[in-house]
Amino acid sequence: EHIALAREAAQKSIVLLKNKNNTLPISKDVKVPYVTGPFA
């Protein structure tokens, strides 16, 4: 229950600052997604 609450709290804390041309959300079927960056 607490793990689920931590997930809910994180979801509701995240702020979308920009979404040009409705880039998000991404399809889960995207063929070649790339995750990068020092904190990924």
PDB file of all heavy atoms in Angstrom:
ATOM      1  N   GLU A   1       0.831  -1.212   0.000  1.00  0.00           N
ATOM      2  CA  GLU A   1       0.000   0.000   0.000  1.00  0.00           C
ATOM      3  C   GLU A   1       0.858   1.252   0.000  1.00  0.00           C
ATOM      4  O   GLU A   1       0.563   2.231  -0.709  1.00  0.00           O
ATOM      5  CB  GLU A   1      -0.925  -0.006   1.220  1.00  0.00           C
ATOM      6  CG  GLU A   1      -2.004  -1.070   1.208  1.00  0.00           C
ATOM      7  CD  GLU A   1      -1.497  -2.461   1.583  1.00  0.00           C
ATOM      8  OE1 GLU A   1      -0.342  -2.569   2.079  1.00  0.00           O
ATOM      9  OE2 GLU A   1      -2.249  -3.432   1.388  1.00  0.00           O
ATOM     10  N   HIS A   2       1.938   1.244   0.751  1.00  0.00           N
ATOM     11  CA  HIS A   2       2.805   2.417   0.815  1.00  0.00           C
ATOM     12  C   HIS A   2       3.619   2.586  -0.467  1.00  0.00           C
ATOM     13  O   HIS A   2       3.878   3.714  -0.903  1.00  0.00           O
ATOM     14  CB  HIS A   2       3.735   2.319   2.027  1.00  0.00           C
ATOM     15  CG  HIS A   2       3.010   2.423   3.334  1.00  0.00           C
ATOM     16  ND1 HIS A   2       3.630   2.235   4.550  1.00  0.00           N
ATOM     17  CD2 HIS A   2       1.703   2.689   3.620  1.00  0.00           C
ATOM     18  CE1 HIS A   2       2.740   2.390   5.524  1.00  0.00           C
ATOM     19  NE2 HIS A   2       1.564   2.658   4.978  1.00  0.00           N
ATOM     20  N   ILE A   3       4.006   1.486  -1.066  1.00  0.00           N
ATOM     21  CA  ILE A   3       4.706   1.557  -2.365  1.00  0.00           C
ATOM     22  C   ILE A   3       3.778   2.156  -3.418  1.00  0.00           C
ATOM     23  O   ILE A   3       4.188   3.017  -4.212  1.00  0.00           O
ATOM     24  CB  ILE A   3       5.184   0.156  -2.790  1.00  0.00           C
ATOM     25  CG1 ILE A   3       6.265  -0.353  -1.827  1.00  0.00           C
ATOM     26  CG2 ILE A   3       5.725   0.176  -4.215  1.00  0.00           C
ATOM     27  CD1 ILE A   3       6.600  -1.822  -1.997  1.00  0.00           C
ATOM     28  N   ALA A   4       2.509   1.734  -3.406  1.00  0.00           N
ATOM     29  CA  ALA A   4       1.526   2.287  -4.348  1.00  0.00           C
ATOM     30  C   ALA A   4       1.309   3.771  -4.092  1.00  0.00           C
ATOM     31  O   ALA A   4       1.150   4.564  -5.030  1.00  0.00           O
ATOM     32  CB  ALA A   4       0.211   1.519  -4.233  1.00  0.00           C
ATOM     33  N   LEU A   5       1.307   4.163  -2.826  1.00  0.00           N
ATOM     34  CA  LEU A   5       1.141   5.575  -2.481  1.00  0.00           C
ATOM     35  C   LEU A   5       2.342   6.396  -2.937  1.00  0.00           C
ATOM     36  O   LEU A   5       2.189   7.529  -3.416  1.00  0.00           O
ATOM     37  CB  LEU A   5       0.940   5.710  -0.974  1.00  0.00           C
ATOM     38  CG  LEU A   5       0.715   7.125  -0.433  1.00  0.00           C
ATOM     39  CD1 LEU A   5      -0.515   7.769  -1.069  1.00  0.00           C
ATOM     40  CD2 LEU A   5       0.576   7.089   1.093  1.00  0.00           C
ATOM     41  N   ALA A   6       3.540   5.836  -2.807  1.00  0.00           N
ATOM     42  CA  ALA A   6       4.744   6.527  -3.287  1.00  0.00           C
ATOM     43  C   ALA A   6       4.666   6.750  -4.795  1.00  0.00           C
ATOM     44  O   ALA A   6       5.071   7.801  -5.303  1.00  0.00           O
ATOM     45  CB  ALA A   6       5.990   5.720  -2.933  1.00  0.00           C
ATOM     46  N   ARG A   7       4.132   5.779  -5.497  1.00  0.00           N
ATOM     47  CA  ARG A   7       3.964   5.909  -6.952  1.00  0.00           C
ATOM     48  C   ARG A   7       2.943   6.985  -7.283  1.00  0.00           C
ATOM     49  O   ARG A   7       3.166   7.829  -8.167  1.00  0.00           O
ATOM     50  CB  ARG A   7       3.533   4.562  -7.532  1.00  0.00           C
ATOM     51  CG  ARG A   7       3.353   4.542  -9.047  1.00  0.00           C
ATOM     52  CD  ARG A   7       3.048   3.123  -9.500  1.00  0.00           C
ATOM     53  NE  ARG A   7       2.898   3.008 -10.947  1.00  0.00           N
ATOM     54  CZ  ARG A   7       2.770   1.841 -11.588  1.00  0.00           C
ATOM     55  NH1 ARG A   7       2.796   0.702 -10.898  1.00  0.00           N
ATOM     56  NH2 ARG A   7       2.647   1.808 -12.908  1.00  0.00           N
ATOM     57  N   GLU A   8       1.808   6.976  -6.573  1.00  0.00           N
ATOM     58  CA  GLU A   8       0.779   7.992  -6.801  1.00  0.00           C
ATOM     59  C   GLU A   8       1.314   9.392  -6.525  1.00  0.00           C
ATOM     60  O   GLU A   8       1.078  10.331  -7.298  1.00  0.00           O
ATOM     61  CB  GLU A   8      -0.433   7.718  -5.914  1.00  0.00           C
ATOM     62  CG  GLU A   8      -1.534   8.753  -6.050  1.00  0.00           C
ATOM     63  CD  GLU A   8      -2.621   8.623  -4.991  1.00  0.00           C
ATOM     64  OE1 GLU A   8      -2.621   7.619  -4.239  1.00  0.00           O
ATOM     65  OE2 GLU A   8      -3.470   9.543  -4.902  1.00  0.00           O
ATOM     66  N   ALA A   9       2.034   9.536  -5.410  1.00  0.00           N
ATOM     67  CA  ALA A   9       2.579  10.848  -5.059  1.00  0.00           C
ATOM     68  C   ALA A   9       3.570  11.331  -6.114  1.00  0.00           C
ATOM     69  O   ALA A   9       3.573  12.514  -6.493  1.00  0.00           O
ATOM     70  CB  ALA A   9       3.243  10.787  -3.689  1.00  0.00           C
ATOM     71  N   ALA A  10       4.407  10.433  -6.604  1.00  0.00           N
ATOM     72  CA  ALA A  10       5.367  10.812  -7.648  1.00  0.00           C
ATOM     73  C   ALA A  10       4.649  11.205  -8.935  1.00  0.00           C
ATOM     74  O   ALA A  10       5.007  12.194  -9.582  1.00  0.00           O
ATOM     75  CB  ALA A  10       6.342   9.663  -7.899  1.00  0.00           C
ATOM     76  N   GLN A  11       3.632  10.437  -9.320  1.00  0.00           N
ATOM     77  CA  GLN A  11       2.857  10.774 -10.512  1.00  0.00           C
ATOM     78  C   GLN A  11       2.293  12.194 -10.419  1.00  0.00           C
ATOM     79  O   GLN A  11       2.387  12.985 -11.364  1.00  0.00           O
ATOM     80  CB  GLN A  11       1.689   9.795 -10.684  1.00  0.00           C
ATOM     81  CG  GLN A  11       2.068   8.395 -11.081  1.00  0.00           C
ATOM     82  CD  GLN A  11       0.884   7.438 -10.966  1.00  0.00           C
ATOM     83  OE1 GLN A  11      -0.122   7.747 -10.324  1.00  0.00           O
ATOM     84  NE2 GLN A  11       1.015   6.256 -11.565  1.00  0.00           N
ATOM     85  N   LYS A  12       1.703  12.515  -9.267  1.00  0.00           N
ATOM     86  CA  LYS A  12       1.032  13.806  -9.108  1.00  0.00           C
ATOM     87  C   LYS A  12       1.995  14.961  -8.903  1.00  0.00           C
ATOM     88  O   LYS A  12       1.597  16.125  -9.011  1.00  0.00           O
ATOM     89  CB  LYS A  12       0.032  13.718  -7.947  1.00  0.00           C
ATOM     90  CG  LYS A  12      -1.146  12.803  -8.245  1.00  0.00           C
ATOM     91  CD  LYS A  12      -2.143  12.759  -7.104  1.00  0.00           C
ATOM     92  CE  LYS A  12      -3.351  11.902  -7.487  1.00  0.00           C
ATOM     93  NZ  LYS A  12      -4.354  11.820  -6.398  1.00  0.00           N
ATOM     94  N   SER A  13       3.258  14.660  -8.618  1.00  0.00           N
ATOM     95  CA  SER A  13       4.249  15.714  -8.423  1.00  0.00           C
ATOM     96  C   SER A  13       4.907  16.141  -9.726  1.00  0.00           C
ATOM     97  O   SER A  13       5.432  17.253  -9.834  1.00  0.00           O
ATOM     98  CB  SER A  13       5.328  15.249  -7.446  1.00  0.00           C
ATOM     99  OG  SER A  13       6.179  14.275  -8.034  1.00  0.00           O
ATOM    100  N   ILE A  14       4.904  15.278 -10.732  1.00  0.00           N
ATOM    101  CA  ILE A  14       5.629  15.538 -11.986  1.00  0.00           C
ATOM    102  C   ILE A  14       4.931  16.643 -12.780  1.00  0.00           C
ATOM    103  O   ILE A  14       3.712  16.624 -12.966  1.00  0.00           O
ATOM    104  CB  ILE A  14       5.733  14.247 -12.812  1.00  0.00           C
ATOM    105  CG1 ILE A  14       6.640  13.237 -12.085  1.00  0.00           C
ATOM    106  CG2 ILE A  14       6.264  14.529 -14.218  1.00  0.00           C
ATOM    107  CD1 ILE A  14       6.614  11.846 -12.671  1.00  0.00           C
ATOM    108  N   VAL A  15       5.727  17.602 -13.238  1.00  0.00           N
ATOM    109  CA  VAL A  15       5.189  18.767 -13.949  1.00  0.00           C
ATOM    110  C   VAL A  15       5.604  18.715 -15.417  1.00  0.00           C
ATOM    111  O   VAL A  15       6.793  18.613 -15.732  1.00  0.00           O
ATOM    112  CB  VAL A  15       5.687  20.085 -13.324  1.00  0.00           C
ATOM    113  CG1 VAL A  15       5.046  21.286 -14.028  1.00  0.00           C
ATOM    114  CG2 VAL A  15       5.378  20.123 -11.830  1.00  0.00           C
ATOM    115  N   LEU A  16       4.616  18.789 -16.300  1.00  0.00           N
ATOM    116  CA  LEU A  16       4.877  18.880 -17.741  1.00  0.00           C
ATOM    117  C   LEU A  16       5.032  20.352 -18.097  1.00  0.00           C
ATOM    118  O   LEU A  16       4.084  21.133 -17.987  1.00  0.00           O
ATOM    119  CB  LEU A  16       3.738  18.250 -18.532  1.00  0.00           C
ATOM    120  CG  LEU A  16       3.855  18.292 -20.062  1.00  0.00           C
ATOM    121  CD1 LEU A  16       5.092  17.536 -20.536  1.00  0.00           C
ATOM    122  CD2 LEU A  16       2.593  17.729 -20.718  1.00  0.00           C
ATOM    123  N   LEU A  17       6.235  20.741 -18.523  1.00  0.00           N
ATOM    124  CA  LEU A  17       6.542  22.138 -18.812  1.00  0.00           C
ATOM    125  C   LEU A  17       6.382  22.489 -20.286  1.00  0.00           C
ATOM    126  O   LEU A  17       6.100  23.639 -20.634  1.00  0.00           O
ATOM    127  CB  LEU A  17       7.976  22.460 -18.363  1.00  0.00           C
ATOM    128  CG  LEU A  17       8.249  22.339 -16.855  1.00  0.00           C
ATOM    129  CD1 LEU A  17       9.734  22.550 -16.572  1.00  0.00           C
ATOM    130  CD2 LEU A  17       7.409  23.331 -16.073  1.00  0.00           C
ATOM    131  N   LYS A  18       6.568  21.514 -21.151  1.00  0.00           N
ATOM    132  CA  LYS A  18       6.473  21.773 -22.592  1.00  0.00           C
ATOM    133  C   LYS A  18       6.053  20.490 -23.289  1.00  0.00           C
ATOM    134  O   LYS A  18       6.499  19.399 -22.914  1.00  0.00           O
ATOM    135  CB  LYS A  18       7.825  22.244 -23.145  1.00  0.00           C
ATOM    136  CG  LYS A  18       7.836  22.543 -24.638  1.00  0.00           C
ATOM    137  CD  LYS A  18       9.219  23.031 -25.093  1.00  0.00           C
ATOM    138  CE  LYS A  18       9.242  23.352 -26.572  1.00  0.00           C
ATOM    139  NZ  LYS A  18      10.563  23.833 -27.034  1.00  0.00           N
ATOM    140  N   ASN A  19       5.210  20.635 -24.303  1.00  0.00           N
ATOM    141  CA  ASN A  19       4.780  19.464 -25.066  1.00  0.00           C
ATOM    142  C   ASN A  19       4.459  19.875 -26.505  1.00  0.00           C
ATOM    143  O   ASN A  19       3.308  19.878 -26.938  1.00  0.00           O
ATOM    144  CB  ASN A  19       3.564  18.806 -24.402  1.00  0.00           C
ATOM    145  CG  ASN A  19       3.315  17.405 -24.906  1.00  0.00           C
ATOM    146  OD1 ASN A  19       4.208  16.761 -25.454  1.00  0.00           O
ATOM    147  ND2 ASN A  19       2.092  16.914 -24.725  1.00  0.00           N
ATOM    148  N   LYS A  20       5.514  20.204 -27.224  1.00  0.00           N
ATOM    149  CA  LYS A  20       5.378  20.698 -28.595  1.00  0.00           C
ATOM    150  C   LYS A  20       4.753  19.635 -29.498  1.00  0.00           C
ATOM    151  O   LYS A  20       5.183  18.479 -29.507  1.00  0.00           O
ATOM    152  CB  LYS A  20       6.763  21.075 -29.130  1.00  0.00           C
ATOM    153  CG  LYS A  20       6.786  21.622 -30.533  1.00  0.00           C
ATOM    154  CD  LYS A  20       8.216  21.956 -30.935  1.00  0.00           C
ATOM    155  CE  LYS A  20       8.293  22.444 -32.375  1.00  0.00           C
ATOM    156  NZ  LYS A  20       9.701  22.734 -32.775  1.00  0.00           N
ATOM    157  N   ASN A  21       3.713  20.047 -30.214  1.00  0.00           N
ATOM    158  CA  ASN A  21       3.039  19.163 -31.176  1.00  0.00           C
ATOM    159  C   ASN A  21       2.609  17.838 -30.552  1.00  0.00           C
ATOM    160  O   ASN A  21       2.616  16.794 -31.211  1.00  0.00           O
ATOM    161  CB  ASN A  21       3.940  18.893 -32.397  1.00  0.00           C
ATOM    162  CG  ASN A  21       4.280  20.162 -33.160  1.00  0.00           C
ATOM    163  OD1 ASN A  21       3.472  21.085 -33.233  1.00  0.00           O
ATOM    164  ND2 ASN A  21       5.487  20.217 -33.709  1.00  0.00           N
ATOM    165  N   ASN A  22       2.236  17.887 -29.282  1.00  0.00           N
ATOM    166  CA  ASN A  22       1.772  16.680 -28.579  1.00  0.00           C
ATOM    167  C   ASN A  22       2.775  15.526 -28.689  1.00  0.00           C
ATOM    168  O   ASN A  22       2.409  14.380 -28.956  1.00  0.00           O
ATOM    169  CB  ASN A  22       0.399  16.252 -29.095  1.00  0.00           C
ATOM    170  CG  ASN A  22      -0.669  17.297 -28.822  1.00  0.00           C
ATOM    171  OD1 ASN A  22      -0.708  17.879 -27.734  1.00  0.00           O
ATOM    172  ND2 ASN A  22      -1.523  17.545 -29.800  1.00  0.00           N
ATOM    173  N   THR A  23       4.033  15.863 -28.469  1.00  0.00           N
ATOM    174  CA  THR A  23       5.081  14.828 -28.465  1.00  0.00           C
ATOM    175  C   THR A  23       4.747  13.717 -27.479  1.00  0.00           C
ATOM    176  O   THR A  23       4.953  12.526 -27.755  1.00  0.00           O
ATOM    177  CB  THR A  23       6.430  15.468 -28.101  1.00  0.00           C
ATOM    178  OG1 THR A  23       6.793  16.401 -29.122  1.00  0.00           O
ATOM    179  CG2 THR A  23       7.518  14.411 -27.957  1.00  0.00           C
ATOM    180  N   LEU A  24       4.256  14.109 -26.325  1.00  0.00           N
ATOM    181  CA  LEU A  24       3.839  13.155 -25.298  1.00  0.00           C
ATOM    182  C   LEU A  24       2.321  13.051 -25.290  1.00  0.00           C
ATOM    183  O   LEU A  24       1.635  14.028 -25.571  1.00  0.00           O
ATOM    184  CB  LEU A  24       4.338  13.608 -23.922  1.00  0.00           C
ATOM    185  CG  LEU A  24       5.854  13.742 -23.746  1.00  0.00           C
ATOM    186  CD1 LEU A  24       6.177  14.243 -22.340  1.00  0.00           C
ATOM    187  CD2 LEU A  24       6.555  12.412 -24.004  1.00  0.00           C
ATOM    188  N   PRO A  25       1.786  11.887 -24.957  1.00  0.00           N
ATOM    189  CA  PRO A  25       2.498  10.670 -24.549  1.00  0.00           C
ATOM    190  C   PRO A  25       3.085   9.900 -25.728  1.00  0.00           C
ATOM    191  O   PRO A  25       2.646  10.061 -26.872  1.00  0.00           O
ATOM    192  CB  PRO A  25       1.413   9.857 -23.845  1.00  0.00           C
ATOM    193  CG  PRO A  25       0.142  10.276 -24.519  1.00  0.00           C
ATOM    194  CD  PRO A  25       0.316  11.731 -24.832  1.00  0.00           C
ATOM    195  N   ILE A  26       4.051   9.066 -25.405  1.00  0.00           N
ATOM    196  CA  ILE A  26       4.708   8.222 -26.396  1.00  0.00           C
ATOM    197  C   ILE A  26       3.982   6.884 -26.472  1.00  0.00           C
ATOM    198  O   ILE A  26       3.545   6.347 -25.459  1.00  0.00           O
ATOM    199  CB  ILE A  26       6.178   7.976 -25.990  1.00  0.00           C
ATOM    200  CG1 ILE A  26       6.920   9.308 -25.788  1.00  0.00           C
ATOM    201  CG2 ILE A  26       6.904   7.108 -27.005  1.00  0.00           C
ATOM    202  CD1 ILE A  26       8.231   9.166 -25.022  1.00  0.00           C
ATOM    203  N   SER A  27       3.874   6.355 -27.656  1.00  0.00           N
ATOM    204  CA  SER A  27       3.279   5.024 -27.808  1.00  0.00           C
ATOM    205  C   SER A  27       4.200   3.970 -27.198  1.00  0.00           C
ATOM    206  O   SER A  27       5.414   3.997 -27.389  1.00  0.00           O
ATOM    207  CB  SER A  27       3.059   4.707 -29.287  1.00  0.00           C
ATOM    208  OG  SER A  27       2.712   3.344 -29.450  1.00  0.00           O
ATOM    209  N   LYS A  28       3.602   3.035 -26.469  1.00  0.00           N
ATOM    210  CA  LYS A  28       4.399   1.953 -25.886  1.00  0.00           C
ATOM    211  C   LYS A  28       4.962   1.020 -26.962  1.00  0.00           C
ATOM    212  O   LYS A  28       5.893   0.249 -26.693  1.00  0.00           O
ATOM    213  CB  LYS A  28       3.555   1.152 -24.895  1.00  0.00           C
ATOM    214  CG  LYS A  28       3.205   1.925 -23.640  1.00  0.00           C
ATOM    215  CD  LYS A  28       2.412   1.064 -22.663  1.00  0.00           C
ATOM    216  CE  LYS A  28       2.069   1.851 -21.410  1.00  0.00           C
ATOM    217  NZ  LYS A  28       1.275   1.051 -20.446  1.00  0.00           N
ATOM    218  N   ASP A  29       4.423   1.113 -28.149  1.00  0.00           N
ATOM    219  CA  ASP A  29       4.897   0.278 -29.255  1.00  0.00           C
ATOM    220  C   ASP A  29       5.978   0.965 -30.081  1.00  0.00           C
ATOM    221  O   ASP A  29       6.309   0.495 -31.180  1.00  0.00           O
ATOM    222  CB  ASP A  29       3.725  -0.105 -30.164  1.00  0.00           C
ATOM    223  CG  ASP A  29       2.734  -1.018 -29.471  1.00  0.00           C
ATOM    224  OD1 ASP A  29       3.172  -1.873 -28.683  1.00  0.00           O
ATOM    225  OD2 ASP A  29       1.517  -0.868 -29.699  1.00  0.00           O
ATOM    226  N   VAL A  30       6.508   2.081 -29.581  1.00  0.00           N
ATOM    227  CA  VAL A  30       7.564   2.777 -30.311  1.00  0.00           C
ATOM    228  C   VAL A  30       8.685   1.785 -30.640  1.00  0.00           C
ATOM    229  O   VAL A  30       9.113   1.002 -29.795  1.00  0.00           O
ATOM    230  CB  VAL A  30       8.077   3.973 -29.480  1.00  0.00           C
ATOM    231  CG1 VAL A  30       8.617   3.545 -28.127  1.00  0.00           C
ATOM    232  CG2 VAL A  30       9.134   4.753 -30.257  1.00  0.00           C
ATOM    233  N   LYS A  31       9.146   1.830 -31.882  1.00  0.00           N
ATOM    234  CA  LYS A  31      10.081   0.790 -32.331  1.00  0.00           C
ATOM    235  C   LYS A  31      11.469   0.932 -31.705  1.00  0.00           C
ATOM    236  O   LYS A  31      12.039  -0.034 -31.209  1.00  0.00           O
ATOM    237  CB  LYS A  31      10.180   0.813 -33.858  1.00  0.00           C
ATOM    238  CG  LYS A  31       8.914   0.324 -34.560  1.00  0.00           C
ATOM    239  CD  LYS A  31       9.088   0.329 -36.071  1.00  0.00           C
ATOM    240  CE  LYS A  31       7.821  -0.173 -36.755  1.00  0.00           C
ATOM    241  NZ  LYS A  31       7.952  -0.139 -38.242  1.00  0.00           N
ATOM    242  N   VAL A  32      12.031   2.155 -31.767  1.00  0.00           N
ATOM    243  CA  VAL A  32      13.401   2.339 -31.275  1.00  0.00           C
ATOM    244  C   VAL A  32      13.445   3.523 -30.304  1.00  0.00           C
ATOM    245  O   VAL A  32      13.752   4.640 -30.695  1.00  0.00           O
ATOM    246  CB  VAL A  32      14.395   2.565 -32.434  1.00  0.00           C
ATOM    247  CG1 VAL A  32      15.834   2.606 -31.892  1.00  0.00           C
ATOM    248  CG2 VAL A  32      14.250   1.512 -33.508  1.00  0.00           C
ATOM    249  N   PRO A  33      13.135   3.279 -29.039  1.00  0.00           N
ATOM    250  CA  PRO A  33      13.280   4.335 -28.039  1.00  0.00           C
ATOM    251  C   PRO A  33      14.704   4.341 -27.478  1.00  0.00           C
ATOM    252  O   PRO A  33      15.329   3.288 -27.333  1.00  0.00           O
ATOM    253  CB  PRO A  33      12.272   3.937 -26.962  1.00  0.00           C
ATOM    254  CG  PRO A  33      12.193   2.444 -27.061  1.00  0.00           C
ATOM    255  CD  PRO A  33      12.474   2.078 -28.498  1.00  0.00           C
ATOM    256  N   TYR A  34      15.190   5.518 -27.167  1.00  0.00           N
ATOM    257  CA  TYR A  34      16.550   5.671 -26.648  1.00  0.00           C
ATOM    258  C   TYR A  34      16.485   6.429 -25.330  1.00  0.00           C
ATOM    259  O   TYR A  34      15.944   7.534 -25.253  1.00  0.00           O
ATOM    260  CB  TYR A  34      17.394   6.435 -27.662  1.00  0.00           C
ATOM    261  CG  TYR A  34      18.825   6.726 -27.261  1.00  0.00           C
ATOM    262  CD1 TYR A  34      19.568   5.849 -26.481  1.00  0.00           C
ATOM    263  CD2 TYR A  34      19.453   7.895 -27.698  1.00  0.00           C
ATOM    264  CE1 TYR A  34      20.891   6.120 -26.132  1.00  0.00           C
ATOM    265  CE2 TYR A  34      20.773   8.185 -27.366  1.00  0.00           C
ATOM    266  CZ  TYR A  34      21.490   7.296 -26.575  1.00  0.00           C
ATOM    267  OH  TYR A  34      22.802   7.567 -26.233  1.00  0.00           O
ATOM    268  N   VAL A  35      17.023   5.842 -24.283  1.00  0.00           N
ATOM    269  CA  VAL A  35      17.100   6.488 -22.974  1.00  0.00           C
ATOM    270  C   VAL A  35      18.560   6.814 -22.694  1.00  0.00           C
ATOM    271  O   VAL A  35      19.438   5.955 -22.823  1.00  0.00           O
ATOM    272  CB  VAL A  35      16.535   5.579 -21.869  1.00  0.00           C
ATOM    273  CG1 VAL A  35      16.690   6.243 -20.505  1.00  0.00           C
ATOM    274  CG2 VAL A  35      15.068   5.266 -22.135  1.00  0.00           C
ATOM    275  N   THR A  36      18.805   8.058 -22.314  1.00  0.00           N
ATOM    276  CA  THR A  36      20.185   8.493 -22.105  1.00  0.00           C
ATOM    277  C   THR A  36      20.237   9.571 -21.036  1.00  0.00           C
ATOM    278  O   THR A  36      19.213   9.955 -20.472  1.00  0.00           O
ATOM    279  CB  THR A  36      20.798   8.989 -23.432  1.00  0.00           C
ATOM    280  OG1 THR A  36      22.192   9.245 -23.248  1.00  0.00           O
ATOM    281  CG2 THR A  36      20.104  10.251 -23.931  1.00  0.00           C
ATOM    282  N   GLY A  37      21.420  10.054 -20.756  1.00  0.00           N
ATOM    283  CA  GLY A  37      21.590  11.102 -19.755  1.00  0.00           C
ATOM    284  C   GLY A  37      22.219  10.581 -18.476  1.00  0.00           C
ATOM    285  O   GLY A  37      22.118   9.400 -18.148  1.00  0.00           O
ATOM    286  N   PRO A  38      22.886  11.469 -17.727  1.00  0.00           N
ATOM    287  CA  PRO A  38      23.657  11.048 -16.556  1.00  0.00           C
ATOM    288  C   PRO A  38      22.818  10.484 -15.413  1.00  0.00           C
ATOM    289  O   PRO A  38      23.353   9.813 -14.534  1.00  0.00           O
ATOM    290  CB  PRO A  38      24.362  12.339 -16.124  1.00  0.00           C
ATOM    291  CG  PRO A  38      23.515  13.444 -16.674  1.00  0.00           C
ATOM    292  CD  PRO A  38      22.984  12.929 -17.961  1.00  0.00           C
ATOM    293  N   PHE A  39      21.508  10.755 -15.430  1.00  0.00           N
ATOM    294  CA  PHE A  39      20.677  10.294 -14.315  1.00  0.00           C
ATOM    295  C   PHE A  39      19.594   9.310 -14.740  1.00  0.00           C
ATOM    296  O   PHE A  39      18.705   8.986 -13.950  1.00  0.00           O
ATOM    297  CB  PHE A  39      20.049  11.491 -13.604  1.00  0.00           C
ATOM    298  CG  PHE A  39      21.052  12.354 -12.907  1.00  0.00           C
ATOM    299  CD1 PHE A  39      21.234  13.681 -13.277  1.00  0.00           C
ATOM    300  CD2 PHE A  39      21.834  11.843 -11.891  1.00  0.00           C
ATOM    301  CE1 PHE A  39      22.164  14.474 -12.646  1.00  0.00           C
ATOM    302  CE2 PHE A  39      22.776  12.630 -11.246  1.00  0.00           C
ATOM    303  CZ  PHE A  39      22.946  13.952 -11.623  1.00  0.00           C
ATOM    304  N   ALA A  40      19.680   8.823 -15.966  1.00  0.00           N
ATOM    305  CA  ALA A  40      18.665   7.883 -16.444  1.00  0.00           C
ATOM    306  C   ALA A  40      18.657   6.593 -15.637  1.00  0.00           C
ATOM    307  O   ALA A  40      17.606   5.982 -15.426  1.00  0.00           O
ATOM    308  CB  ALA A  40      18.887   7.580 -17.924  1.00  0.00           C
TER     309      ALA A  40
END
